[in-house]
Amino acid sequence: MNKIITFIVLGCVLMLTGCNTVHGLGKDLEKAGEAVQKSTN
């Protein structure tokens, strides 16, 4: 029983970490896009 709970908690932690990483990547890409737009104006 303890192993199952451990795997569930570990899976949740990995999923949350992955979401934060993807969210940060999206912000970085958005900033890069804004910089390109400003340079063309």
Protein backbone atom coordinates (compact mmCIF):
# COMPACT_ATOMS: atom_id res chain seq x y z
CA MET A 1 0.00 0.00 0.00
CA ASN A 2 2.82 2.41 0.85
CA LYS A 3 4.46 1.81 -2.54
CA ILE A 4 1.27 2.72 -4.38
CA ILE A 5 0.88 5.97 -2.44
CA THR A 6 4.55 6.80 -3.03
CA PHE A 7 4.19 6.31 -6.80
CA ILE A 8 1.01 8.41 -6.90
CA VAL A 9 2.66 11.29 -5.00
CA LEU A 10 5.79 11.08 -7.15
CA GLY A 11 3.69 11.13 -10.32
CA CYS A 12 1.78 14.20 -9.14
CA VAL A 13 5.00 16.03 -8.32
CA LEU A 14 6.46 15.25 -11.74
CA MET A 15 3.29 16.41 -13.49
CA LEU A 16 3.24 19.71 -11.59
CA THR A 17 6.93 20.30 -12.33
CA GLY A 18 6.35 19.62 -16.01
CA CYS A 19 3.47 22.09 -16.16
CA ASN A 20 5.58 24.84 -14.61
CA THR A 21 8.38 24.16 -17.08
CA VAL A 22 6.06 24.34 -20.10
CA HIS A 23 4.44 27.49 -18.72
CA GLY A 24 7.85 29.15 -18.32
CA LEU A 25 8.84 28.15 -21.85
CA GLY A 26 5.65 29.76 -23.19
CA LYS A 27 6.48 33.02 -21.41
CA ASP A 28 10.00 33.00 -22.87
CA LEU A 29 8.70 32.43 -26.39
CA GLU A 30 6.16 35.21 -25.96
CA LYS A 31 8.88 37.66 -24.89
CA ALA A 32 11.04 36.65 -27.85
CA GLY A 33 8.11 37.24 -30.21
CA GLU A 34 7.51 40.68 -28.72
CA ALA A 35 11.18 41.57 -29.19
CA VAL A 36 11.00 40.58 -32.86
CA GLN A 37 7.86 42.68 -33.35
CA LYS A 38 9.50 45.73 -31.72
CA SER A 39 12.61 45.38 -33.87
CA THR A 40 10.56 45.40 -37.09
CA ASN A 41 8.75 48.62 -36.11
